[in-house]
Amino acid sequence: MPPVPAPAAPMKQPPAADRVYSHVKEAVLERRYEGGTLLTEGELAEAVGVSRTPVREALLKLEVEGLIKLYPKKGALVLAVSAQEIADVVETRLLVEEFAVRKGVPASAAFLVRLEELLEEQRQRAEEGDLGAVAVSDRCFHAEIVRNAGNQILSKLYDQLRDRQLRMGVAVMEAHPDRIAKNVTEHAELLEAIRAGDADGAAACVRRHVSRVKVLVRGEDS
């Protein structure tokens, strides 16, 4: 008779503070907790199924990242995206992405294939209608262009914008659902400019595409 296999070890859960951190951060980035929402330790502890101590630890970390503001004995206020933050993110993205896309021309076959894969993934996420997933796939397309430039310092700088980009991306798509399809179209146009070896055209595509974020998040365009 063959030996009975030992039962699989149960999956070990992440530490309680990490679970709270992930829960709150994901909800803020996907705008389930919108700017101006007041979160209490008790509510978060109940939502995640932990005590209040790890909640405090997670909230302190999120405050350092600039997503919330702690108020003793009251809770944590989810910070809204300010006009200055939007302008700063767009300005930084333009500096990094225009440089990176120019450096990526002429493009290698592997780079073009990777952009095609990411564009197709974005199309699929758009069809599914999950705004959080669409924002992630949108950012991955841009991040690949930056990564391809081969400058690790710029890549690390760009990675620091990730949370802000995702939050703004979801905000834009909530307010302007038509931007989901338009973003895919604009990415396709950018890919074609890169494929054609047109560095100036690719940089112009980046400039138009990224600059539009500022007016869309402020609700000044459609």
Protein backbone atom coordinates (compact mmCIF):
# COMPACT_ATOMS: atom_id res chain seq x y z
CA MET A 1 0.00 0.00 0.00
CA PRO A 2 1.55 3.33 -1.03
CA PRO A 3 2.33 5.76 1.78
CA VAL A 4 -0.26 8.42 2.48
CA PRO A 5 1.15 11.85 1.54
CA ALA A 6 1.52 14.30 4.37
CA PRO A 7 -1.05 17.10 4.39
CA ALA A 8 0.13 20.29 2.78
CA ALA A 9 1.30 22.91 5.22
CA PRO A 10 -1.17 25.78 5.55
CA MET A 11 -0.26 28.97 3.70
CA LYS A 12 1.39 31.38 6.07
CA GLN A 13 -0.31 34.77 6.15
CA PRO A 14 1.72 37.97 5.89
CA PRO A 15 2.21 39.87 9.17
CA ALA A 16 -0.89 41.69 10.38
CA ALA A 17 0.59 45.16 9.78
CA ASP A 18 1.45 44.22 6.20
CA ARG A 19 -2.10 43.04 5.59
CA VAL A 20 -3.53 46.32 6.86
CA TYR A 21 -0.99 48.30 4.82
CA SER A 22 -1.89 46.42 1.62
CA HIS A 23 -5.63 46.73 2.29
CA VAL A 24 -5.55 50.49 2.82
CA LYS A 25 -3.02 51.27 0.10
CA GLU A 26 -4.88 49.29 -2.54
CA ALA A 27 -8.17 50.92 -1.57
CA VAL A 28 -6.64 54.41 -1.73
CA LEU A 29 -4.96 53.81 -5.09
CA GLU A 30 -8.15 52.36 -6.56
CA ARG A 31 -10.16 55.22 -4.98
CA ARG A 32 -12.41 52.95 -2.93
CA TYR A 33 -11.13 55.19 -0.12
CA GLU A 34 -11.36 58.59 -1.78
CA GLY A 35 -9.59 61.78 -0.76
CA GLY A 36 -11.28 63.27 2.30
CA THR A 37 -12.35 59.89 3.75
CA LEU A 38 -11.67 59.53 7.49
CA LEU A 39 -10.54 56.02 8.43
CA THR A 40 -10.66 54.85 12.05
CA GLU A 41 -8.41 52.25 13.63
CA GLY A 42 -11.42 50.26 14.81
CA GLU A 43 -13.02 50.08 11.36
CA LEU A 44 -9.76 49.01 9.72
CA ALA A 45 -9.03 46.44 12.42
CA GLU A 46 -12.47 44.90 11.87
CA ALA A 47 -12.18 45.02 8.07
CA VAL A 48 -8.85 43.18 8.02
CA GLY A 49 -9.46 41.01 11.09
CA VAL A 50 -6.58 42.21 13.25
CA SER A 51 -6.02 44.13 16.47
CA ARG A 52 -5.48 47.89 16.56
CA THR A 53 -1.72 47.70 17.14
CA PRO A 54 -0.79 46.57 13.60
CA VAL A 55 -3.29 49.10 12.23
CA ARG A 56 -1.33 51.92 13.86
CA GLU A 57 1.93 50.52 12.45
CA ALA A 58 0.50 50.36 8.92
CA LEU A 59 -1.00 53.85 9.10
CA LEU A 60 2.32 55.35 10.18
CA LYS A 61 3.97 53.85 7.10
CA LEU A 62 1.21 55.14 4.82
CA GLU A 63 1.55 58.62 6.31
CA VAL A 64 5.26 58.62 5.46
CA GLU A 65 4.31 57.75 1.87
CA GLY A 66 2.01 60.77 1.74
CA LEU A 67 -1.27 58.90 1.22
CA ILE A 68 -2.88 59.73 4.57
CA LYS A 69 -2.65 62.20 7.44
CA LEU A 70 -2.94 60.91 11.00
CA TYR A 71 -5.02 62.75 13.59
CA PRO A 72 -4.59 61.49 17.18
CA LYS A 73 -7.79 60.00 18.67
CA LYS A 74 -9.68 60.68 15.43
CA GLY A 75 -8.19 58.47 12.74
CA ALA A 76 -6.48 58.80 9.39
CA LEU A 77 -7.59 61.20 6.67
CA VAL A 78 -7.07 60.02 3.09
CA LEU A 79 -5.31 62.90 1.35
CA ALA A 80 -6.74 64.18 -1.91
CA VAL A 81 -4.45 64.61 -4.90
CA SER A 82 -3.48 68.29 -5.02
CA ALA A 83 -3.12 70.43 -8.14
CA GLN A 84 0.56 70.91 -7.28
CA GLU A 85 1.11 67.16 -7.00
CA ILE A 86 -0.52 66.61 -10.40
CA ALA A 87 1.68 69.27 -11.98
CA ASP A 88 4.82 67.86 -10.34
CA VAL A 89 4.08 64.30 -11.47
CA VAL A 90 3.34 65.34 -15.06
CA GLU A 91 6.46 67.51 -15.24
CA THR A 92 8.66 64.69 -13.90
CA ARG A 93 7.09 62.13 -16.23
CA LEU A 94 7.69 64.34 -19.25
CA LEU A 95 11.35 64.85 -18.36
CA VAL A 96 11.94 61.13 -17.89
CA GLU A 97 9.69 59.67 -20.60
CA GLU A 98 10.64 62.00 -23.45
CA PHE A 99 14.30 61.26 -22.80
CA ALA A 100 13.66 57.52 -22.54
CA VAL A 101 11.58 57.24 -25.71
CA ARG A 102 14.19 59.11 -27.74
CA LYS A 103 16.89 56.79 -26.41
CA GLY A 104 14.76 53.80 -27.42
CA VAL A 105 14.88 54.74 -31.11
CA PRO A 106 15.93 52.82 -33.14
CA ALA A 107 14.17 50.05 -31.25
CA SER A 108 15.33 46.47 -30.86
CA ALA A 109 13.01 43.67 -31.97
CA ALA A 110 12.72 42.44 -28.37
CA PHE A 111 11.65 45.90 -27.16
CA LEU A 112 8.96 46.16 -29.84
CA VAL A 113 7.63 42.70 -29.02
CA ARG A 114 7.44 43.59 -25.33
CA LEU A 115 5.51 46.81 -26.05
CA GLU A 116 3.12 44.87 -28.29
CA GLU A 117 2.51 42.38 -25.47
CA LEU A 118 1.86 45.16 -22.96
CA LEU A 119 -0.49 46.94 -25.36
CA GLU A 120 -2.47 43.74 -25.88
CA GLU A 121 -2.63 43.22 -22.11
CA GLN A 122 -4.01 46.75 -21.74
CA ARG A 123 -6.67 46.03 -24.35
CA GLN A 124 -7.72 42.92 -22.44
CA ARG A 125 -7.90 44.78 -19.12
CA ALA A 126 -9.94 47.53 -20.79
CA GLU A 127 -12.45 44.95 -22.02
CA GLU A 128 -12.74 43.55 -18.49
CA GLY A 129 -13.48 47.04 -17.13
CA ASP A 130 -11.35 46.73 -13.98
CA LEU A 131 -10.07 50.31 -13.60
CA GLY A 132 -7.34 49.36 -11.14
CA ALA A 133 -6.01 46.69 -13.52
CA VAL A 134 -6.29 49.05 -16.49
CA ALA A 135 -4.26 51.68 -14.63
CA VAL A 136 -1.57 49.11 -13.79
CA SER A 137 -1.31 47.89 -17.40
CA ASP A 138 -1.25 51.50 -18.65
CA ARG A 139 1.64 52.34 -16.35
CA CYS A 140 3.53 49.15 -17.25
CA PHE A 141 3.60 50.27 -20.89
CA HIS A 142 5.25 53.56 -19.95
CA ALA A 143 7.55 51.95 -17.39
CA GLU A 144 8.87 49.54 -20.04
CA ILE A 145 9.90 52.48 -22.22
CA VAL A 146 11.76 54.00 -19.26
CA ARG A 147 13.36 50.67 -18.32
CA ASN A 148 14.50 50.16 -21.91
CA ALA A 149 16.57 53.38 -21.74
CA GLY A 150 18.98 51.50 -19.48
CA ASN A 151 19.46 54.29 -16.92
CA GLN A 152 18.94 52.72 -13.49
CA ILE A 153 18.82 56.04 -11.67
CA LEU A 154 16.01 57.29 -13.92
CA SER A 155 14.20 53.96 -13.57
CA LYS A 156 14.29 54.22 -9.77
CA LEU A 157 13.07 57.83 -9.93
CA TYR A 158 10.22 56.74 -12.20
CA ASP A 159 9.31 53.88 -9.86
CA GLN A 160 8.80 56.44 -7.08
CA LEU A 161 5.93 57.93 -9.11
CA ARG A 162 4.09 54.59 -9.32
CA ASP A 163 1.49 55.12 -6.59
CA ARG A 164 0.65 58.63 -7.71
CA GLN A 165 0.36 57.53 -11.35
CA LEU A 166 -2.00 54.68 -10.48
CA ARG A 167 -4.22 56.89 -8.33
CA MET A 168 -4.41 59.60 -10.98
CA GLY A 169 -5.04 57.01 -13.68
CA VAL A 170 -8.05 55.60 -11.87
CA ALA A 171 -9.35 59.13 -11.19
CA VAL A 172 -9.14 60.01 -14.89
CA MET A 173 -10.92 56.83 -15.99
CA GLU A 174 -13.68 57.25 -13.41
CA ALA A 175 -14.35 60.82 -14.54
CA HIS A 176 -13.76 60.18 -18.25
CA PRO A 177 -14.56 56.54 -19.17
CA ASP A 178 -13.84 57.29 -22.82
CA ARG A 179 -10.18 57.78 -21.92
CA ILE A 180 -9.74 54.01 -21.52
CA ALA A 181 -10.09 53.43 -25.26
CA LYS A 182 -8.28 56.68 -26.09
CA ASN A 183 -5.29 55.66 -23.97
CA VAL A 184 -5.03 52.38 -25.86
CA THR A 185 -5.19 54.26 -29.17
CA GLU A 186 -2.54 56.76 -28.08
CA HIS A 187 -0.26 53.95 -26.91
CA ALA A 188 -0.68 52.25 -30.29
CA GLU A 189 0.29 55.51 -32.03
CA LEU A 190 3.34 55.83 -29.78
CA LEU A 191 4.35 52.25 -30.55
CA GLU A 192 4.07 52.88 -34.30
CA ALA A 193 6.28 55.99 -34.03
CA ILE A 194 8.90 53.95 -32.16
CA ARG A 195 8.64 51.14 -34.71
CA ALA A 196 9.11 53.65 -37.54
CA GLY A 197 12.27 55.00 -35.91
CA ASP A 198 10.71 58.45 -35.55
CA ALA A 199 12.26 59.78 -32.34
CA ASP A 200 10.72 63.26 -32.70
CA GLY A 201 7.29 61.80 -33.44
CA ALA A 202 7.51 59.41 -30.50
CA ALA A 203 8.53 62.23 -28.15
CA ALA A 204 5.61 64.33 -29.41
CA CYS A 205 3.22 61.43 -28.74
CA VAL A 206 4.53 61.15 -25.19
CA ARG A 207 4.20 64.89 -24.65
CA ARG A 208 0.56 65.02 -25.81
CA HIS A 209 -0.42 61.85 -23.99
CA VAL A 210 1.19 62.61 -20.62
CA SER A 211 0.31 66.33 -20.61
CA ARG A 212 -3.38 65.49 -20.99
CA VAL A 213 -3.35 63.84 -17.55
CA LYS A 214 -3.09 67.22 -15.84
CA VAL A 215 -6.21 68.73 -17.39
CA LEU A 216 -8.19 65.50 -17.13
CA VAL A 217 -7.56 64.97 -13.41
CA ARG A 218 -8.57 68.59 -12.78
CA GLY A 219 -11.73 68.04 -14.83
CA GLU A 220 -10.80 70.73 -17.35
CA ASP A 221 -11.00 68.52 -20.43
CA SER A 222 -12.90 65.56 -21.81
